[in-house]
Every structure is written in C-alpha cells, then in structure tokens.
Amino acid sequence: MNIDLSPDNILDITSGSMFWVRPAALKPLLDLNLSIDHFPAEYGQLDGTLAHAIERLFLFVCEKAGFTWAKVTHMSFITPDYPVVRIYSKYDIDAFMTEHRFDLLRAPRSSN
C-alpha cells in the first residue's frame, strides 16, 4: 500500500468493538485483493498475523485514501490522563475537525 510506518511518526489504532468507515476510505486495503487464503487458520494467536496487522492499519489506510478520522467515545471509557474535547453539536465536530487534523502518515512525533 506504500504506507511508511516510521518510528518517528505517531501511532494510533481504532479501538473498541466497532467503527464506521466510508468504503472509499478502505480502497488501499481493498485494492490488495486479499482472499481467505492469505490468512492463517485461527488457533488463538494473540499477535503476529496478517489479520492483526490489518486491524492496526485502518487509520493509516483511511489517510492513504485521502480521508480524515476521529475517535468518538463516551466519557465513561476515558482514562483521566486522556485528552478530551467535549462535543455538543454537529458544529462542534466541524470546528474540531477543521482545527485539529490527525495525520499519522506525515506528522512526526513531538520530541517533548
């Protein structure tokens, strides 16, 4: 997919049990034309399979396809040290997405 996963870049993944995505945002992944034969049998592996790699790439694939992403959750799932922006309306979301773009593919991690 020509996605550079540099150790200098921020790493983030989808979390939780569900997410919404536009089909076009998954185009780089879908263009790989993976079939069931590309995936090993399920034996309770905890890491290291193609499926594990794909589940960690959704945000990167989204950016590669030219889309942006945002994590949305209920306050009860946030730890005290996690940065939070409260959203009360559609306009709050639009303003936040305009002012804060997460760019995992190009934004180097802060050295602070």
C-alpha atoms as a PDB file:
ATOM      1  CA  MET A   1       0.000   0.000   0.000  1.00  0.00           C
ATOM      2  CA  ASN A   2       3.107   2.199   0.114  1.00  0.00           C
ATOM      3  CA  ILE A   3       2.431   3.288   3.681  1.00  0.00           C
ATOM      4  CA  ASP A   4       5.579   4.258   5.549  1.00  0.00           C
ATOM      5  CA  LEU A   5       5.293   3.291   9.222  1.00  0.00           C
ATOM      6  CA  SER A   6       8.215   5.275  10.523  1.00  0.00           C
ATOM      7  CA  PRO A   7       9.198   5.030  14.210  1.00  0.00           C
ATOM      8  CA  ASP A   8       9.256   8.858  14.148  1.00  0.00           C
ATOM      9  CA  ASN A   9       5.538   9.054  13.377  1.00  0.00           C
ATOM     10  CA  ILE A  10       2.629   8.919  15.803  1.00  0.00           C
ATOM     11  CA  LEU A  11       0.990   5.505  16.128  1.00  0.00           C
ATOM     12  CA  ASP A  12      -2.729   5.211  16.736  1.00  0.00           C
ATOM     13  CA  ILE A  13      -5.277   2.483  16.045  1.00  0.00           C
ATOM     14  CA  THR A  14      -9.015   2.061  16.027  1.00  0.00           C
ATOM     15  CA  SER A  15     -10.171   0.916  19.432  1.00  0.00           C
ATOM     16  CA  GLY A  16     -13.334  -0.595  20.774  1.00  0.00           C
ATOM     17  CA  SER A  17     -15.521  -3.141  19.124  1.00  0.00           C
ATOM     18  CA  MET A  18     -16.961  -1.068  16.284  1.00  0.00           C
ATOM     19  CA  PHE A  19     -16.146   1.756  13.913  1.00  0.00           C
ATOM     20  CA  TRP A  20     -17.734   3.500  10.942  1.00  0.00           C
ATOM     21  CA  VAL A  21     -15.863   3.979   7.719  1.00  0.00           C
ATOM     22  CA  ARG A  22     -16.663   5.077   4.194  1.00  0.00           C
ATOM     23  CA  PRO A  23     -15.942   2.184   1.811  1.00  0.00           C
ATOM     24  CA  ALA A  24     -13.752   4.509  -0.287  1.00  0.00           C
ATOM     25  CA  ALA A  25     -11.536   5.089   2.762  1.00  0.00           C
ATOM     26  CA  LEU A  26     -10.599   1.394   2.687  1.00  0.00           C
ATOM     27  CA  LYS A  27      -9.699   1.404  -1.011  1.00  0.00           C
ATOM     28  CA  PRO A  28      -5.930   0.946  -0.492  1.00  0.00           C
ATOM     29  CA  LEU A  29      -6.645  -2.149   1.595  1.00  0.00           C
ATOM     30  CA  LEU A  30      -9.345  -3.467  -0.730  1.00  0.00           C
ATOM     31  CA  ASP A  31      -7.030  -2.974  -3.718  1.00  0.00           C
ATOM     32  CA  LEU A  32      -4.729  -5.635  -2.243  1.00  0.00           C
ATOM     33  CA  ASN A  33      -7.359  -8.180  -3.302  1.00  0.00           C
ATOM     34  CA  LEU A  34      -6.723 -10.330  -0.262  1.00  0.00           C
ATOM     35  CA  SER A  35      -8.573 -13.617  -0.078  1.00  0.00           C
ATOM     36  CA  ILE A  36      -9.198 -16.050   2.754  1.00  0.00           C
ATOM     37  CA  ASP A  37      -6.106 -17.932   1.549  1.00  0.00           C
ATOM     38  CA  HIS A  38      -3.903 -15.020   2.685  1.00  0.00           C
ATOM     39  CA  PHE A  39      -4.932 -15.560   6.314  1.00  0.00           C
ATOM     40  CA  PRO A  40      -3.653 -18.378   8.518  1.00  0.00           C
ATOM     41  CA  ALA A  41      -6.049 -20.656  10.349  1.00  0.00           C
ATOM     42  CA  GLU A  42      -7.272 -19.263  13.679  1.00  0.00           C
ATOM     43  CA  TYR A  43      -5.529 -21.006  16.572  1.00  0.00           C
ATOM     44  CA  GLY A  44      -5.971 -18.308  19.201  1.00  0.00           C
ATOM     45  CA  GLN A  45      -2.929 -16.288  18.091  1.00  0.00           C
ATOM     46  CA  LEU A  46      -2.542 -13.111  20.131  1.00  0.00           C
ATOM     47  CA  ASP A  47      -0.397 -11.220  17.620  1.00  0.00           C
ATOM     48  CA  GLY A  48       1.739 -11.522  14.524  1.00  0.00           C
ATOM     49  CA  THR A  49      -0.811 -12.499  11.882  1.00  0.00           C
ATOM     50  CA  LEU A  50      -1.952 -10.616   8.798  1.00  0.00           C
ATOM     51  CA  ALA A  51      -5.331 -10.043  10.488  1.00  0.00           C
ATOM     52  CA  HIS A  52      -3.602  -8.373  13.457  1.00  0.00           C
ATOM     53  CA  ALA A  53      -1.619  -6.124  11.108  1.00  0.00           C
ATOM     54  CA  ILE A  54      -4.740  -5.095   9.195  1.00  0.00           C
ATOM     55  CA  GLU A  55      -6.707  -4.248  12.336  1.00  0.00           C
ATOM     56  CA  ARG A  56      -3.899  -1.850  13.309  1.00  0.00           C
ATOM     57  CA  LEU A  57      -3.759  -0.171   9.891  1.00  0.00           C
ATOM     58  CA  PHE A  58      -7.322   1.134   9.444  1.00  0.00           C
ATOM     59  CA  LEU A  59      -6.486   4.753  10.369  1.00  0.00           C
ATOM     60  CA  PHE A  60      -3.387   4.734   8.153  1.00  0.00           C
ATOM     61  CA  VAL A  61      -5.345   3.254   5.240  1.00  0.00           C
ATOM     62  CA  CYS A  62      -8.010   5.926   5.728  1.00  0.00           C
ATOM     63  CA  GLU A  63      -5.383   8.676   5.485  1.00  0.00           C
ATOM     64  CA  LYS A  64      -3.716   6.998   2.498  1.00  0.00           C
ATOM     65  CA  ALA A  65      -7.092   7.165   0.701  1.00  0.00           C
ATOM     66  CA  GLY A  66      -7.290  10.910   1.432  1.00  0.00           C
ATOM     67  CA  PHE A  67      -9.769  10.822   4.317  1.00  0.00           C
ATOM     68  CA  THR A  68      -9.539  12.030   7.901  1.00  0.00           C
ATOM     69  CA  TRP A  69     -10.592  10.255  11.067  1.00  0.00           C
ATOM     70  CA  ALA A  70     -11.655  10.994  14.620  1.00  0.00           C
ATOM     71  CA  LYS A  71     -12.183   8.865  17.700  1.00  0.00           C
ATOM     72  CA  VAL A  72     -15.513   9.326  19.455  1.00  0.00           C
ATOM     73  CA  THR A  73     -16.373   7.702  22.755  1.00  0.00           C
ATOM     74  CA  HIS A  74     -18.498   8.005  25.844  1.00  0.00           C
ATOM     75  CA  MET A  75     -16.849   9.759  28.790  1.00  0.00           C
ATOM     76  CA  SER A  76     -17.085   6.602  30.920  1.00  0.00           C
ATOM     77  CA  PHE A  77     -14.454   4.961  28.689  1.00  0.00           C
ATOM     78  CA  ILE A  78     -11.842   7.716  29.030  1.00  0.00           C
ATOM     79  CA  THR A  79      -8.960   7.495  31.465  1.00  0.00           C
ATOM     80  CA  PRO A  80      -8.178  10.644  33.486  1.00  0.00           C
ATOM     81  CA  ASP A  81      -4.947  11.359  31.571  1.00  0.00           C
ATOM     82  CA  TYR A  82      -6.529  11.126  28.096  1.00  0.00           C
ATOM     83  CA  PRO A  83      -7.137  14.473  26.315  1.00  0.00           C
ATOM     84  CA  VAL A  84     -10.841  15.107  25.784  1.00  0.00           C
ATOM     85  CA  VAL A  85     -12.800  17.591  23.694  1.00  0.00           C
ATOM     86  CA  ARG A  86     -16.481  17.739  24.558  1.00  0.00           C
ATOM     87  CA  ILE A  87     -18.784  17.864  21.550  1.00  0.00           C
ATOM     88  CA  TYR A  88     -22.292  19.213  21.987  1.00  0.00           C
ATOM     89  CA  SER A  89     -23.395  19.688  18.373  1.00  0.00           C
ATOM     90  CA  LYS A  90     -22.566  18.977  14.742  1.00  0.00           C
ATOM     91  CA  TYR A  91     -20.922  22.395  14.600  1.00  0.00           C
ATOM     92  CA  ASP A  92     -18.542  21.438  17.407  1.00  0.00           C
ATOM     93  CA  ILE A  93     -17.423  18.423  15.375  1.00  0.00           C
ATOM     94  CA  ASP A  94     -16.916  20.513  12.235  1.00  0.00           C
ATOM     95  CA  ALA A  95     -14.898  23.131  14.154  1.00  0.00           C
ATOM     96  CA  PHE A  96     -12.767  20.496  15.846  1.00  0.00           C
ATOM     97  CA  MET A  97     -12.014  18.644  12.603  1.00  0.00           C
ATOM     98  CA  THR A  98     -11.096  21.919  10.903  1.00  0.00           C
ATOM     99  CA  GLU A  99      -8.733  22.991  13.682  1.00  0.00           C
ATOM    100  CA  HIS A 100      -7.222  19.593  14.568  1.00  0.00           C
ATOM    101  CA  ARG A 101      -6.222  17.160  11.907  1.00  0.00           C
ATOM    102  CA  PHE A 102      -4.519  13.955  12.944  1.00  0.00           C
ATOM    103  CA  ASP A 103      -2.054  12.976  10.258  1.00  0.00           C
ATOM    104  CA  LEU A 104      -0.408   9.694  11.191  1.00  0.00           C
ATOM    105  CA  LEU A 105       1.368   9.316   7.859  1.00  0.00           C
ATOM    106  CA  ARG A 106       3.117  12.679   7.848  1.00  0.00           C
ATOM    107  CA  ALA A 107       3.203  14.170  11.345  1.00  0.00           C
ATOM    108  CA  PRO A 108       6.428  13.418  13.184  1.00  0.00           C
ATOM    109  CA  ARG A 109       6.075  12.706  16.850  1.00  0.00           C
ATOM    110  CA  SER A 110       6.832  15.595  19.170  1.00  0.00           C
ATOM    111  CA  SER A 111      10.257  15.388  20.798  1.00  0.00           C
ATOM    112  CA  ASN A 112       8.869  16.843  24.056  1.00  0.00           C
END
